[in-house]
Amino acid sequence: MLERSQIAEAFFRKYAPNNYEALSAGTEPVGNLNPLAIEAMKEVGKDISKQRPRIITEDMIRQSNARLNMGCIQRESCPTLFIHNVSDWSSRIY
């Protein structure tokens, strides 16, 4: 995996207004970021080496104003399938 949500979080932090906050999490996060993802982001001036994959919680979903699904690999454990107001970006991410 190339940590799509970690990369998206970094770009969101770069381009969103200062009063916006990004948080990425997954249903089955890996222990460490892929070194290729870290290197790729360094090439565009973003350091994601300190970011850590997190597991998504119901509190994260409840407390967020916007939710983007970047593709649930484990559909049976995908919480975004059961809540409203989720933008599905899984077909937009390559």
N, C-alpha and C. Protein backbone atom coordinates (compact mmCIF):
# COMPACT_ATOMS: atom_id res chain seq x y z
N MET A 1 0.84 -1.19 0.00
CA MET A 1 0.00 0.00 0.00
C MET A 1 0.88 1.24 0.00
N LEU A 2 0.38 2.26 -0.63
CA LEU A 2 1.11 3.53 -0.64
C LEU A 2 0.42 4.60 0.18
N GLU A 3 -0.29 4.20 1.21
CA GLU A 3 -0.83 5.14 2.19
C GLU A 3 -1.61 6.29 1.56
N ARG A 4 -2.62 5.96 0.79
CA ARG A 4 -3.42 6.99 0.12
C ARG A 4 -3.98 8.01 1.10
N SER A 5 -4.52 7.54 2.22
CA SER A 5 -5.13 8.49 3.15
C SER A 5 -4.08 9.39 3.81
N GLN A 6 -2.90 8.86 4.08
CA GLN A 6 -1.84 9.68 4.66
C GLN A 6 -1.39 10.76 3.67
N ILE A 7 -1.29 10.38 2.41
CA ILE A 7 -0.91 11.34 1.37
C ILE A 7 -2.00 12.39 1.20
N ALA A 8 -3.26 11.95 1.17
CA ALA A 8 -4.38 12.89 1.04
C ALA A 8 -4.42 13.84 2.23
N GLU A 9 -4.17 13.32 3.43
CA GLU A 9 -4.14 14.18 4.62
C GLU A 9 -3.07 15.26 4.49
N ALA A 10 -1.90 14.89 4.01
CA ALA A 10 -0.80 15.86 3.86
C ALA A 10 -1.17 16.95 2.85
N PHE A 11 -1.76 16.57 1.73
CA PHE A 11 -2.15 17.58 0.74
C PHE A 11 -3.29 18.45 1.25
N PHE A 12 -4.22 17.85 2.00
CA PHE A 12 -5.31 18.64 2.57
C PHE A 12 -4.74 19.70 3.51
N ARG A 13 -3.82 19.29 4.36
CA ARG A 13 -3.21 20.24 5.30
C ARG A 13 -2.49 21.37 4.56
N LYS A 14 -1.93 21.06 3.41
CA LYS A 14 -1.22 22.07 2.63
C LYS A 14 -2.17 23.07 1.99
N TYR A 15 -3.28 22.60 1.44
CA TYR A 15 -4.14 23.46 0.63
C TYR A 15 -5.40 23.96 1.32
N ALA A 16 -5.82 23.35 2.40
CA ALA A 16 -7.06 23.77 3.07
C ALA A 16 -6.80 25.01 3.92
N PRO A 17 -7.85 25.78 4.19
CA PRO A 17 -7.70 26.93 5.09
C PRO A 17 -7.18 26.47 6.46
N ASN A 18 -6.52 27.38 7.17
CA ASN A 18 -5.89 27.05 8.45
C ASN A 18 -6.86 26.53 9.50
N ASN A 19 -8.12 26.92 9.44
CA ASN A 19 -9.06 26.48 10.47
C ASN A 19 -9.68 25.11 10.16
N TYR A 20 -9.19 24.43 9.13
CA TYR A 20 -9.65 23.08 8.79
C TYR A 20 -8.65 22.07 9.35
N GLU A 21 -9.15 20.91 9.72
CA GLU A 21 -8.29 19.86 10.24
C GLU A 21 -8.53 18.57 9.47
N ALA A 22 -7.47 17.87 9.19
CA ALA A 22 -7.57 16.59 8.49
C ALA A 22 -7.17 15.46 9.43
N LEU A 23 -7.83 14.34 9.27
CA LEU A 23 -7.51 13.16 10.05
C LEU A 23 -7.73 11.95 9.15
N SER A 24 -6.72 11.13 9.03
CA SER A 24 -6.88 9.92 8.21
C SER A 24 -6.83 8.70 9.11
N ALA A 25 -7.61 7.70 8.74
CA ALA A 25 -7.65 6.44 9.49
C ALA A 25 -8.18 5.36 8.57
N GLY A 26 -7.97 4.13 8.95
CA GLY A 26 -8.42 3.02 8.12
C GLY A 26 -8.99 1.88 8.94
N THR A 27 -9.55 0.91 8.24
CA THR A 27 -10.14 -0.25 8.92
C THR A 27 -9.09 -1.26 9.33
N GLU A 28 -8.00 -1.34 8.60
CA GLU A 28 -6.90 -2.24 8.93
C GLU A 28 -5.57 -1.54 8.66
N PRO A 29 -5.23 -0.54 9.49
CA PRO A 29 -4.01 0.23 9.23
C PRO A 29 -2.76 -0.62 9.41
N VAL A 30 -1.76 -0.30 8.62
CA VAL A 30 -0.47 -0.99 8.74
C VAL A 30 0.31 -0.39 9.90
N GLY A 31 1.35 -1.06 10.33
CA GLY A 31 2.14 -0.58 11.46
C GLY A 31 2.97 0.64 11.17
N ASN A 32 3.57 0.70 10.00
CA ASN A 32 4.43 1.82 9.63
C ASN A 32 4.12 2.27 8.21
N LEU A 33 4.46 3.50 7.92
CA LEU A 33 4.26 4.00 6.57
C LEU A 33 5.24 3.36 5.61
N ASN A 34 4.80 3.19 4.39
CA ASN A 34 5.65 2.64 3.34
C ASN A 34 6.75 3.66 3.02
N PRO A 35 8.01 3.24 3.04
CA PRO A 35 9.11 4.16 2.73
C PRO A 35 8.98 4.81 1.35
N LEU A 36 8.37 4.11 0.40
CA LEU A 36 8.17 4.70 -0.93
C LEU A 36 7.21 5.89 -0.87
N ALA A 37 6.19 5.79 -0.04
CA ALA A 37 5.25 6.90 0.13
C ALA A 37 5.94 8.09 0.78
N ILE A 38 6.75 7.83 1.78
CA ILE A 38 7.49 8.90 2.45
C ILE A 38 8.41 9.60 1.46
N GLU A 39 9.13 8.83 0.67
CA GLU A 39 10.06 9.39 -0.31
C GLU A 39 9.32 10.18 -1.39
N ALA A 40 8.20 9.64 -1.87
CA ALA A 40 7.43 10.34 -2.91
C ALA A 40 6.93 11.69 -2.41
N MET A 41 6.49 11.74 -1.16
CA MET A 41 6.00 12.99 -0.62
C MET A 41 7.15 13.98 -0.38
N LYS A 42 8.32 13.49 -0.02
CA LYS A 42 9.48 14.38 0.12
C LYS A 42 9.78 15.07 -1.20
N GLU A 43 9.58 14.34 -2.29
CA GLU A 43 9.86 14.91 -3.62
C GLU A 43 8.95 16.09 -3.95
N VAL A 44 7.78 16.16 -3.30
CA VAL A 44 6.88 17.30 -3.53
C VAL A 44 6.86 18.25 -2.32
N GLY A 45 7.86 18.08 -1.45
CA GLY A 45 8.01 19.03 -0.35
C GLY A 45 7.17 18.77 0.88
N LYS A 46 6.64 17.57 1.04
CA LYS A 46 5.82 17.25 2.22
C LYS A 46 6.47 16.12 3.00
N ASP A 47 6.57 16.28 4.31
CA ASP A 47 7.14 15.24 5.17
C ASP A 47 6.01 14.52 5.90
N ILE A 48 5.79 13.26 5.53
CA ILE A 48 4.76 12.47 6.21
C ILE A 48 5.40 11.42 7.12
N SER A 49 6.69 11.48 7.32
CA SER A 49 7.40 10.44 8.07
C SER A 49 6.94 10.33 9.52
N LYS A 50 6.40 11.40 10.08
CA LYS A 50 5.95 11.36 11.48
C LYS A 50 4.49 10.95 11.61
N GLN A 51 3.77 10.90 10.51
CA GLN A 51 2.37 10.46 10.55
C GLN A 51 2.32 8.97 10.84
N ARG A 52 1.29 8.53 11.54
CA ARG A 52 1.13 7.13 11.87
C ARG A 52 -0.26 6.65 11.45
N PRO A 53 -0.31 5.47 10.85
CA PRO A 53 -1.61 4.91 10.49
C PRO A 53 -2.45 4.68 11.76
N ARG A 54 -3.73 5.00 11.67
CA ARG A 54 -4.65 4.83 12.80
C ARG A 54 -5.84 4.02 12.35
N ILE A 55 -6.46 3.35 13.31
CA ILE A 55 -7.69 2.64 13.02
C ILE A 55 -8.86 3.61 13.20
N ILE A 56 -9.82 3.55 12.31
CA ILE A 56 -10.96 4.46 12.38
C ILE A 56 -11.88 4.05 13.53
N THR A 57 -12.42 5.03 14.21
CA THR A 57 -13.34 4.77 15.33
C THR A 57 -14.68 5.44 15.06
N GLU A 58 -15.69 4.99 15.78
CA GLU A 58 -17.01 5.61 15.66
C GLU A 58 -16.96 7.07 16.08
N ASP A 59 -16.16 7.39 17.09
CA ASP A 59 -16.03 8.79 17.53
C ASP A 59 -15.47 9.67 16.43
N MET A 60 -14.47 9.18 15.70
CA MET A 60 -13.92 9.95 14.58
C MET A 60 -15.01 10.26 13.56
N ILE A 61 -15.80 9.27 13.26
CA ILE A 61 -16.87 9.46 12.27
C ILE A 61 -17.90 10.45 12.78
N ARG A 62 -18.33 10.28 14.04
CA ARG A 62 -19.35 11.16 14.62
C ARG A 62 -18.88 12.60 14.71
N GLN A 63 -17.62 12.82 15.05
CA GLN A 63 -17.12 14.16 15.29
C GLN A 63 -16.66 14.89 14.04
N SER A 64 -16.70 14.23 12.90
CA SER A 64 -16.21 14.87 11.68
C SER A 64 -17.34 15.60 10.96
N ASN A 65 -16.98 16.65 10.26
CA ASN A 65 -17.94 17.41 9.46
C ASN A 65 -18.05 16.87 8.04
N ALA A 66 -16.98 16.29 7.55
CA ALA A 66 -16.97 15.70 6.20
C ALA A 66 -16.21 14.39 6.27
N ARG A 67 -16.65 13.43 5.47
CA ARG A 67 -16.03 12.12 5.47
C ARG A 67 -15.79 11.69 4.04
N LEU A 68 -14.57 11.24 3.76
CA LEU A 68 -14.23 10.75 2.43
C LEU A 68 -13.80 9.30 2.54
N ASN A 69 -14.42 8.46 1.76
CA ASN A 69 -14.03 7.06 1.69
C ASN A 69 -13.09 6.91 0.50
N MET A 70 -11.88 6.48 0.76
CA MET A 70 -10.91 6.31 -0.32
C MET A 70 -10.79 4.86 -0.73
N GLY A 71 -11.77 4.06 -0.36
CA GLY A 71 -11.81 2.66 -0.77
C GLY A 71 -11.60 1.72 0.39
N CYS A 72 -12.65 1.08 0.81
CA CYS A 72 -12.54 0.07 1.86
C CYS A 72 -12.15 -1.25 1.22
N ILE A 73 -11.02 -1.75 1.60
CA ILE A 73 -10.59 -3.04 1.07
C ILE A 73 -11.37 -4.16 1.74
N GLN A 74 -11.57 -4.07 3.04
CA GLN A 74 -12.31 -5.08 3.77
C GLN A 74 -13.76 -4.60 3.91
N ARG A 75 -14.58 -4.89 2.92
CA ARG A 75 -15.93 -4.35 2.89
C ARG A 75 -16.77 -4.77 4.09
N GLU A 76 -16.53 -5.94 4.64
CA GLU A 76 -17.33 -6.38 5.79
C GLU A 76 -17.02 -5.59 7.05
N SER A 77 -15.88 -4.91 7.10
CA SER A 77 -15.55 -4.12 8.28
C SER A 77 -15.50 -2.62 7.98
N CYS A 78 -16.07 -2.22 6.86
CA CYS A 78 -15.99 -0.82 6.44
C CYS A 78 -17.10 0.01 7.08
N PRO A 79 -16.77 0.86 8.05
CA PRO A 79 -17.81 1.63 8.72
C PRO A 79 -18.49 2.65 7.82
N THR A 80 -17.85 3.08 6.75
CA THR A 80 -18.47 4.10 5.90
C THR A 80 -19.62 3.54 5.08
N LEU A 81 -19.78 2.23 5.05
CA LEU A 81 -20.91 1.66 4.33
C LEU A 81 -22.21 1.85 5.08
N PHE A 82 -22.14 2.17 6.36
CA PHE A 82 -23.33 2.21 7.20
C PHE A 82 -23.67 3.59 7.74
N ILE A 83 -23.02 4.61 7.23
CA ILE A 83 -23.33 5.96 7.69
C ILE A 83 -23.66 6.84 6.49
N HIS A 84 -24.31 7.94 6.77
CA HIS A 84 -24.72 8.87 5.73
C HIS A 84 -23.65 9.96 5.55
N ASN A 85 -23.79 10.70 4.48
CA ASN A 85 -22.93 11.85 4.19
C ASN A 85 -21.46 11.48 4.04
N VAL A 86 -21.21 10.41 3.30
CA VAL A 86 -19.84 9.99 3.00
C VAL A 86 -19.62 10.15 1.51
N SER A 87 -18.58 10.87 1.15
CA SER A 87 -18.20 10.99 -0.26
C SER A 87 -17.26 9.84 -0.59
N ASP A 88 -17.62 9.04 -1.58
CA ASP A 88 -16.80 7.89 -1.95
C ASP A 88 -15.84 8.29 -3.05
N TRP A 89 -14.57 8.34 -2.72
CA TRP A 89 -13.52 8.72 -3.68
C TRP A 89 -12.73 7.51 -4.14
N SER A 90 -13.19 6.30 -3.84
CA SER A 90 -12.40 5.12 -4.16
C SER A 90 -12.13 4.99 -5.65
N SER A 91 -13.03 5.44 -6.50
CA SER A 91 -12.81 5.34 -7.94
C SER A 91 -11.96 6.49 -8.48
N ARG A 92 -11.67 7.50 -7.66
CA ARG A 92 -10.89 8.66 -8.10
C ARG A 92 -9.42 8.56 -7.72
N ILE A 93 -9.08 7.61 -6.89
CA ILE A 93 -7.72 7.49 -6.39
C ILE A 93 -7.02 6.35 -7.12
N TYR A 94 -5.86 6.65 -7.65
CA TYR A 94 -5.12 5.64 -8.40
C TYR A 94 -3.80 5.35 -7.77
